[in-house]
Amino acid sequence: MSDMSGTSYDSKCPLCAGQMMCSSDWKPYDCVCGECVDCGFCYHTEESQLTLEEVNDVRVNYELEPLTELRKQKDELI
């Protein structure tokens, strides 16, 4: 039994149909990445922070009430 929280796999590059080396992980949150070893195309999960206005724009799409302030974040990932 393995403690791995993700997997690695090969895929076809959407730009050149070459070989992509891909991986996904779900700890501490969903992350994916891929690198084409033929044309160099790559993608990866990137962290960022939404502003209060951006969060409220998303909440409108889900028919949720707007926030007046963002929830305080912990210093470390849960």
PDB file of N, CA and C in Angstrom:
ATOM      1  N   MET A   1       0.845  -1.182   0.000  1.00  0.00           N
ATOM      2  CA  MET A   1       0.000   0.000   0.000  1.00  0.00           C
ATOM      3  C   MET A   1       0.890   1.245   0.000  1.00  0.00           C
ATOM      4  N   SER A   2       0.490   2.271  -0.733  1.00  0.00           N
ATOM      5  CA  SER A   2       1.287   3.475  -0.901  1.00  0.00           C
ATOM      6  C   SER A   2       0.643   4.665  -0.208  1.00  0.00           C
ATOM      7  N   ASP A   3       1.476   5.618   0.224  1.00  0.00           N
ATOM      8  CA  ASP A   3       0.987   6.856   0.832  1.00  0.00           C
ATOM      9  C   ASP A   3       0.795   7.950  -0.206  1.00  0.00           C
ATOM     10  N   MET A   4       1.025   7.630  -1.477  1.00  0.00           N
ATOM     11  CA  MET A   4       0.909   8.652  -2.519  1.00  0.00           C
ATOM     12  C   MET A   4      -0.485   9.255  -2.541  1.00  0.00           C
ATOM     13  N   SER A   5      -0.538  10.554  -2.761  1.00  0.00           N
ATOM     14  CA  SER A   5      -1.825  11.238  -2.844  1.00  0.00           C
ATOM     15  C   SER A   5      -2.154  11.621  -4.274  1.00  0.00           C
ATOM     16  N   GLY A   6      -1.380  11.136  -5.222  1.00  0.00           N
ATOM     17  CA  GLY A   6      -1.629  11.502  -6.611  1.00  0.00           C
ATOM     18  C   GLY A   6      -1.157  10.434  -7.558  1.00  0.00           C
ATOM     19  N   THR A   7      -1.103  10.826  -8.825  1.00  0.00           N
ATOM     20  CA  THR A   7      -0.722   9.870  -9.856  1.00  0.00           C
ATOM     21  C   THR A   7       0.016  10.577 -10.989  1.00  0.00           C
ATOM     22  N   SER A   8       0.837   9.825 -11.701  1.00  0.00           N
ATOM     23  CA  SER A   8       1.516  10.321 -12.898  1.00  0.00           C
ATOM     24  C   SER A   8       1.034   9.515 -14.090  1.00  0.00           C
ATOM     25  N   TYR A   9       0.957  10.173 -15.252  1.00  0.00           N
ATOM     26  CA  TYR A   9       0.457   9.485 -16.433  1.00  0.00           C
ATOM     27  C   TYR A   9       0.912  10.215 -17.690  1.00  0.00           C
ATOM     28  N   ASP A  10       0.904   9.517 -18.807  1.00  0.00           N
ATOM     29  CA  ASP A  10       1.207  10.108 -20.111  1.00  0.00           C
ATOM     30  C   ASP A  10      -0.103  10.518 -20.772  1.00  0.00           C
ATOM     31  N   SER A  11      -0.038  11.568 -21.577  1.00  0.00           N
ATOM     32  CA  SER A  11      -1.205  12.039 -22.301  1.00  0.00           C
ATOM     33  C   SER A  11      -0.744  12.587 -23.648  1.00  0.00           C
ATOM     34  N   LYS A  12      -1.684  12.914 -24.525  1.00  0.00           N
ATOM     35  CA  LYS A  12      -1.358  13.496 -25.827  1.00  0.00           C
ATOM     36  C   LYS A  12      -1.424  15.021 -25.720  1.00  0.00           C
ATOM     37  N   CYS A  13      -0.410  15.688 -26.202  1.00  0.00           N
ATOM     38  CA  CYS A  13      -0.362  17.151 -26.184  1.00  0.00           C
ATOM     39  C   CYS A  13      -1.480  17.711 -27.060  1.00  0.00           C
ATOM     40  N   PRO A  14      -2.246  18.690 -26.559  1.00  0.00           N
ATOM     41  CA  PRO A  14      -3.331  19.271 -27.345  1.00  0.00           C
ATOM     42  C   PRO A  14      -2.836  20.194 -28.461  1.00  0.00           C
ATOM     43  N   LEU A  15      -1.543  20.548 -28.440  1.00  0.00           N
ATOM     44  CA  LEU A  15      -1.021  21.479 -29.457  1.00  0.00           C
ATOM     45  C   LEU A  15      -0.237  20.793 -30.568  1.00  0.00           C
ATOM     46  N   CYS A  16       0.480  19.708 -30.234  1.00  0.00           N
ATOM     47  CA  CYS A  16       1.298  19.070 -31.275  1.00  0.00           C
ATOM     48  C   CYS A  16       1.049  17.569 -31.380  1.00  0.00           C
ATOM     49  N   ALA A  17       0.177  17.030 -30.532  1.00  0.00           N
ATOM     50  CA  ALA A  17      -0.122  15.595 -30.475  1.00  0.00           C
ATOM     51  C   ALA A  17       1.075  14.770 -30.007  1.00  0.00           C
ATOM     52  N   GLY A  18       2.088  15.450 -29.442  1.00  0.00           N
ATOM     53  CA  GLY A  18       3.249  14.751 -28.890  1.00  0.00           C
ATOM     54  C   GLY A  18       2.946  14.167 -27.520  1.00  0.00           C
ATOM     55  N   GLN A  19       3.985  13.713 -26.855  1.00  0.00           N
ATOM     56  CA  GLN A  19       3.845  13.058 -25.553  1.00  0.00           C
ATOM     57  C   GLN A  19       3.896  14.076 -24.415  1.00  0.00           C
ATOM     58  N   MET A  20       2.853  14.055 -23.584  1.00  0.00           N
ATOM     59  CA  MET A  20       2.820  14.904 -22.390  1.00  0.00           C
ATOM     60  C   MET A  20       3.044  14.034 -21.168  1.00  0.00           C
ATOM     61  N   MET A  21       3.916  14.491 -20.297  1.00  0.00           N
ATOM     62  CA  MET A  21       4.143  13.863 -19.007  1.00  0.00           C
ATOM     63  C   MET A  21       3.284  14.638 -18.011  1.00  0.00           C
ATOM     64  N   CYS A  22       2.290  13.986 -17.418  1.00  0.00           N
ATOM     65  CA  CYS A  22       1.302  14.665 -16.585  1.00  0.00           C
ATOM     66  C   CYS A  22       1.280  14.068 -15.185  1.00  0.00           C
ATOM     67  N   SER A  23       0.807  14.853 -14.245  1.00  0.00           N
ATOM     68  CA  SER A  23       0.594  14.350 -12.893  1.00  0.00           C
ATOM     69  C   SER A  23      -0.550  15.115 -12.245  1.00  0.00           C
ATOM     70  N   SER A  24      -1.170  14.472 -11.280  1.00  0.00           N
ATOM     71  CA  SER A  24      -2.212  15.128 -10.491  1.00  0.00           C
ATOM     72  C   SER A  24      -2.030  14.709  -9.044  1.00  0.00           C
ATOM     73  N   ASP A  25      -2.432  15.576  -8.158  1.00  0.00           N
ATOM     74  CA  ASP A  25      -2.323  15.335  -6.724  1.00  0.00           C
ATOM     75  C   ASP A  25      -3.544  15.940  -6.062  1.00  0.00           C
ATOM     76  N   TRP A  26      -3.946  15.447  -4.927  1.00  0.00           N
ATOM     77  CA  TRP A  26      -5.113  16.002  -4.244  1.00  0.00           C
ATOM     78  C   TRP A  26      -4.804  16.375  -2.803  1.00  0.00           C
ATOM     79  N   LYS A  27      -3.540  16.384  -2.440  1.00  0.00           N
ATOM     80  CA  LYS A  27      -3.146  16.848  -1.110  1.00  0.00           C
ATOM     81  C   LYS A  27      -2.099  17.933  -1.274  1.00  0.00           C
ATOM     82  N   PRO A  28      -2.189  19.043  -0.702  1.00  0.00           N
ATOM     83  CA  PRO A  28      -3.212  19.465   0.250  1.00  0.00           C
ATOM     84  C   PRO A  28      -4.480  19.985  -0.424  1.00  0.00           C
ATOM     85  N   TYR A  29      -4.470  20.110  -1.771  1.00  0.00           N
ATOM     86  CA  TYR A  29      -5.653  20.486  -2.551  1.00  0.00           C
ATOM     87  C   TYR A  29      -5.413  19.984  -3.971  1.00  0.00           C
ATOM     88  N   ASP A  30      -6.442  20.031  -4.822  1.00  0.00           N
ATOM     89  CA  ASP A  30      -6.311  19.523  -6.188  1.00  0.00           C
ATOM     90  C   ASP A  30      -5.259  20.307  -6.976  1.00  0.00           C
ATOM     91  N   CYS A  31      -4.284  19.598  -7.528  1.00  0.00           N
ATOM     92  CA  CYS A  31      -3.220  20.187  -8.331  1.00  0.00           C
ATOM     93  C   CYS A  31      -2.988  19.308  -9.551  1.00  0.00           C
ATOM     94  N   VAL A  32      -2.747  19.919 -10.684  1.00  0.00           N
ATOM     95  CA  VAL A  32      -2.421  19.174 -11.902  1.00  0.00           C
ATOM     96  C   VAL A  32      -1.285  19.880 -12.637  1.00  0.00           C
ATOM     97  N   CYS A  33      -0.514  19.115 -13.392  1.00  0.00           N
ATOM     98  CA  CYS A  33       0.506  19.713 -14.247  1.00  0.00           C
ATOM     99  C   CYS A  33       0.790  18.771 -15.403  1.00  0.00           C
ATOM    100  N   GLY A  34       1.310  19.333 -16.474  1.00  0.00           N
ATOM    101  CA  GLY A  34       1.691  18.553 -17.632  1.00  0.00           C
ATOM    102  C   GLY A  34       2.745  19.282 -18.424  1.00  0.00           C
ATOM    103  N   GLU A  35       3.662  18.506 -19.020  1.00  0.00           N
ATOM    104  CA  GLU A  35       4.738  19.078 -19.823  1.00  0.00           C
ATOM    105  C   GLU A  35       4.907  18.237 -21.080  1.00  0.00           C
ATOM    106  N   CYS A  36       4.819  18.879 -22.229  1.00  0.00           N
ATOM    107  CA  CYS A  36       5.033  18.174 -23.490  1.00  0.00           C
ATOM    108  C   CYS A  36       6.530  18.068 -23.728  1.00  0.00           C
ATOM    109  N   VAL A  37       6.999  16.836 -23.923  1.00  0.00           N
ATOM    110  CA  VAL A  37       8.428  16.629 -24.160  1.00  0.00           C
ATOM    111  C   VAL A  37       8.776  16.756 -25.641  1.00  0.00           C
ATOM    112  N   ASP A  38       7.808  17.193 -26.450  1.00  0.00           N
ATOM    113  CA  ASP A  38       8.062  17.398 -27.879  1.00  0.00           C
ATOM    114  C   ASP A  38       8.024  18.872 -28.273  1.00  0.00           C
ATOM    115  N   CYS A  39       6.980  19.623 -27.858  1.00  0.00           N
ATOM    116  CA  CYS A  39       6.897  21.039 -28.262  1.00  0.00           C
ATOM    117  C   CYS A  39       7.100  22.014 -27.101  1.00  0.00           C
ATOM    118  N   GLY A  40       7.091  21.516 -25.861  1.00  0.00           N
ATOM    119  CA  GLY A  40       7.352  22.382 -24.712  1.00  0.00           C
ATOM    120  C   GLY A  40       6.122  22.992 -24.064  1.00  0.00           C
ATOM    121  N   PHE A  41       4.931  22.742 -24.605  1.00  0.00           N
ATOM    122  CA  PHE A  41       3.711  23.241 -23.971  1.00  0.00           C
ATOM    123  C   PHE A  41       3.633  22.701 -22.549  1.00  0.00           C
ATOM    124  N   CYS A  42       3.192  23.543 -21.607  1.00  0.00           N
ATOM    125  CA  CYS A  42       3.047  23.068 -20.228  1.00  0.00           C
ATOM    126  C   CYS A  42       1.887  23.788 -19.548  1.00  0.00           C
ATOM    127  N   TYR A  43       1.388  23.193 -18.483  1.00  0.00           N
ATOM    128  CA  TYR A  43       0.353  23.799 -17.654  1.00  0.00           C
ATOM    129  C   TYR A  43       0.575  23.334 -16.222  1.00  0.00           C
ATOM    130  N   HIS A  44       0.077  24.114 -15.276  1.00  0.00           N
ATOM    131  CA  HIS A  44       0.189  23.742 -13.866  1.00  0.00           C
ATOM    132  C   HIS A  44      -0.800  24.539 -13.024  1.00  0.00           C
ATOM    133  N   THR A  45      -1.158  23.978 -11.889  1.00  0.00           N
ATOM    134  CA  THR A  45      -2.008  24.672 -10.928  1.00  0.00           C
ATOM    135  C   THR A  45      -1.192  25.789 -10.290  1.00  0.00           C
ATOM    136  N   GLU A  46      -1.802  26.936 -10.175  1.00  0.00           N
ATOM    137  CA  GLU A  46      -1.123  28.088  -9.582  1.00  0.00           C
ATOM    138  C   GLU A  46      -1.997  28.676  -8.486  1.00  0.00           C
ATOM    139  N   GLU A  47      -1.407  28.980  -7.347  1.00  0.00           N
ATOM    140  CA  GLU A  47      -2.142  29.595  -6.242  1.00  0.00           C
ATOM    141  C   GLU A  47      -2.271  31.099  -6.473  1.00  0.00           C
ATOM    142  N   SER A  48      -3.391  31.650  -6.040  1.00  0.00           N
ATOM    143  CA  SER A  48      -3.575  33.098  -6.049  1.00  0.00           C
ATOM    144  C   SER A  48      -4.639  33.440  -5.012  1.00  0.00           C
ATOM    145  N   GLN A  49      -4.939  34.703  -4.869  1.00  0.00           N
ATOM    146  CA  GLN A  49      -5.905  35.157  -3.882  1.00  0.00           C
ATOM    147  C   GLN A  49      -6.906  36.087  -4.544  1.00  0.00           C
ATOM    148  N   LEU A  50      -8.199  35.775  -4.436  1.00  0.00           N
ATOM    149  CA  LEU A  50      -9.246  36.643  -4.958  1.00  0.00           C
ATOM    150  C   LEU A  50      -9.462  37.821  -4.010  1.00  0.00           C
ATOM    151  N   THR A  51      -9.818  38.959  -4.575  1.00  0.00           N
ATOM    152  CA  THR A  51     -10.203  40.104  -3.761  1.00  0.00           C
ATOM    153  C   THR A  51     -11.640  39.886  -3.275  1.00  0.00           C
ATOM    154  N   LEU A  52     -12.075  40.699  -2.332  1.00  0.00           N
ATOM    155  CA  LEU A  52     -13.452  40.640  -1.847  1.00  0.00           C
ATOM    156  C   LEU A  52     -14.426  40.836  -3.013  1.00  0.00           C
ATOM    157  N   GLU A  53     -14.142  41.786  -3.886  1.00  0.00           N
ATOM    158  CA  GLU A  53     -15.011  42.034  -5.039  1.00  0.00           C
ATOM    159  C   GLU A  53     -15.086  40.798  -5.949  1.00  0.00           C
ATOM    160  N   GLU A  54     -13.960  40.163  -6.203  1.00  0.00           N
ATOM    161  CA  GLU A  54     -13.945  38.968  -7.043  1.00  0.00           C
ATOM    162  C   GLU A  54     -14.715  37.806  -6.401  1.00  0.00           C
ATOM    163  N   VAL A  55     -14.539  37.643  -5.090  1.00  0.00           N
ATOM    164  CA  VAL A  55     -15.284  36.596  -4.376  1.00  0.00           C
ATOM    165  C   VAL A  55     -16.778  36.854  -4.504  1.00  0.00           C
ATOM    166  N   ASN A  56     -17.194  38.104  -4.326  1.00  0.00           N
ATOM    167  CA  ASN A  56     -18.618  38.423  -4.422  1.00  0.00           C
ATOM    168  C   ASN A  56     -19.155  38.240  -5.838  1.00  0.00           C
ATOM    169  N   ASP A  57     -18.326  38.475  -6.855  1.00  0.00           N
ATOM    170  CA  ASP A  57     -18.741  38.190  -8.234  1.00  0.00           C
ATOM    171  C   ASP A  57     -19.018  36.695  -8.407  1.00  0.00           C
ATOM    172  N   VAL A  58     -18.165  35.852  -7.829  1.00  0.00           N
ATOM    173  CA  VAL A  58     -18.367  34.400  -7.895  1.00  0.00           C
ATOM    174  C   VAL A  58     -19.625  34.015  -7.123  1.00  0.00           C
ATOM    175  N   ARG A  59     -19.801  34.607  -5.941  1.00  0.00           N
ATOM    176  CA  ARG A  59     -20.971  34.288  -5.112  1.00  0.00           C
ATOM    177  C   ARG A  59     -22.282  34.615  -5.831  1.00  0.00           C
ATOM    178  N   VAL A  60     -22.297  35.699  -6.609  1.00  0.00           N
ATOM    179  CA  VAL A  60     -23.492  36.068  -7.379  1.00  0.00           C
ATOM    180  C   VAL A  60     -23.861  34.934  -8.337  1.00  0.00           C
ATOM    181  N   ASN A  61     -22.861  34.337  -8.972  1.00  0.00           N
ATOM    182  CA  ASN A  61     -23.111  33.238  -9.913  1.00  0.00           C
ATOM    183  C   ASN A  61     -23.748  32.026  -9.229  1.00  0.00           C
ATOM    184  N   TYR A  62     -23.493  31.857  -7.940  1.00  0.00           N
ATOM    185  CA  TYR A  62     -24.063  30.738  -7.179  1.00  0.00           C
ATOM    186  C   TYR A  62     -25.266  31.160  -6.341  1.00  0.00           C
ATOM    187  N   GLU A  63     -25.760  32.366  -6.607  1.00  0.00           N
ATOM    188  CA  GLU A  63     -26.916  32.918  -5.894  1.00  0.00           C
ATOM    189  C   GLU A  63     -26.712  32.937  -4.381  1.00  0.00           C
ATOM    190  N   LEU A  64     -25.490  33.314  -3.966  1.00  0.00           N
ATOM    191  CA  LEU A  64     -25.155  33.464  -2.546  1.00  0.00           C
ATOM    192  C   LEU A  64     -25.095  34.948  -2.206  1.00  0.00           C
ATOM    193  N   GLU A  65     -25.391  35.263  -0.963  1.00  0.00           N
ATOM    194  CA  GLU A  65     -25.322  36.647  -0.507  1.00  0.00           C
ATOM    195  C   GLU A  65     -23.871  37.142  -0.552  1.00  0.00           C
ATOM    196  N   PRO A  66     -23.671  38.411  -0.863  1.00  0.00           N
ATOM    197  CA  PRO A  66     -22.306  38.947  -0.875  1.00  0.00           C
ATOM    198  C   PRO A  66     -21.739  39.034   0.539  1.00  0.00           C
ATOM    199  N   LEU A  67     -20.415  38.998   0.620  1.00  0.00           N
ATOM    200  CA  LEU A  67     -19.711  39.140   1.896  1.00  0.00           C
ATOM    201  C   LEU A  67     -19.328  40.599   2.111  1.00  0.00           C
ATOM    202  N   THR A  68     -19.178  40.986   3.365  1.00  0.00           N
ATOM    203  CA  THR A  68     -18.666  42.320   3.663  1.00  0.00           C
ATOM    204  C   THR A  68     -17.169  42.273   3.935  1.00  0.00           C
ATOM    205  N   GLU A  69     -16.652  41.076   4.243  1.00  0.00           N
ATOM    206  CA  GLU A  69     -15.213  40.881   4.405  1.00  0.00           C
ATOM    207  C   GLU A  69     -14.893  39.410   4.172  1.00  0.00           C
ATOM    208  N   LEU A  70     -13.643  39.151   3.792  1.00  0.00           N
ATOM    209  CA  LEU A  70     -13.206  37.783   3.565  1.00  0.00           C
ATOM    210  C   LEU A  70     -12.940  37.073   4.891  1.00  0.00           C
ATOM    211  N   ARG A  71     -13.167  35.776   4.918  1.00  0.00           N
ATOM    212  CA  ARG A  71     -12.860  34.964   6.100  1.00  0.00           C
ATOM    213  C   ARG A  71     -11.357  34.983   6.335  1.00  0.00           C
ATOM    214  N   LYS A  72     -10.961  35.043   7.588  1.00  0.00           N
ATOM    215  CA  LYS A  72      -9.531  35.020   7.938  1.00  0.00           C
ATOM    216  C   LYS A  72      -8.958  33.657   7.587  1.00  0.00           C
ATOM    217  N   GLN A  73      -7.800  33.654   6.931  1.00  0.00           N
ATOM    218  CA  GLN A  73      -7.133  32.415   6.543  1.00  0.00           C
ATOM    219  C   GLN A  73      -6.139  32.017   7.623  1.00  0.00           C
ATOM    220  N   LYS A  74      -5.891  30.720   7.711  1.00  0.00           N
ATOM    221  CA  LYS A  74      -4.860  30.211   8.615  1.00  0.00           C
ATOM    222  C   LYS A  74      -3.510  30.443   7.994  1.00  0.00           C
ATOM    223  N   ASP A  75      -2.468  30.422   8.817  1.00  0.00           N
ATOM    224  CA  ASP A  75      -1.101  30.631   8.316  1.00  0.00           C
ATOM    225  C   ASP A  75      -0.585  29.445   7.522  1.00  0.00           C
ATOM    226  N   GLU A  76      -1.138  28.234   7.793  1.00  0.00           N
ATOM    227  CA  GLU A  76      -0.729  27.018   7.115  1.00  0.00           C
ATOM    228  C   GLU A  76      -1.925  26.329   6.506  1.00  0.00           C
ATOM    229  N   LEU A  77      -1.676  25.516   5.488  1.00  0.00           N
ATOM    230  CA  LEU A  77      -2.758  24.740   4.878  1.00  0.00           C
ATOM    231  C   LEU A  77      -3.320  23.753   5.884  1.00  0.00           C
ATOM    232  N   ILE A  78      -4.618  23.536   5.807  1.00  0.00           N
ATOM    233  CA  ILE A  78      -5.291  22.625   6.728  1.00  0.00           C
ATOM    234  C   ILE A  78      -5.038  21.202   6.304  1.00  0.00           C
TER     235      ILE A  78
END
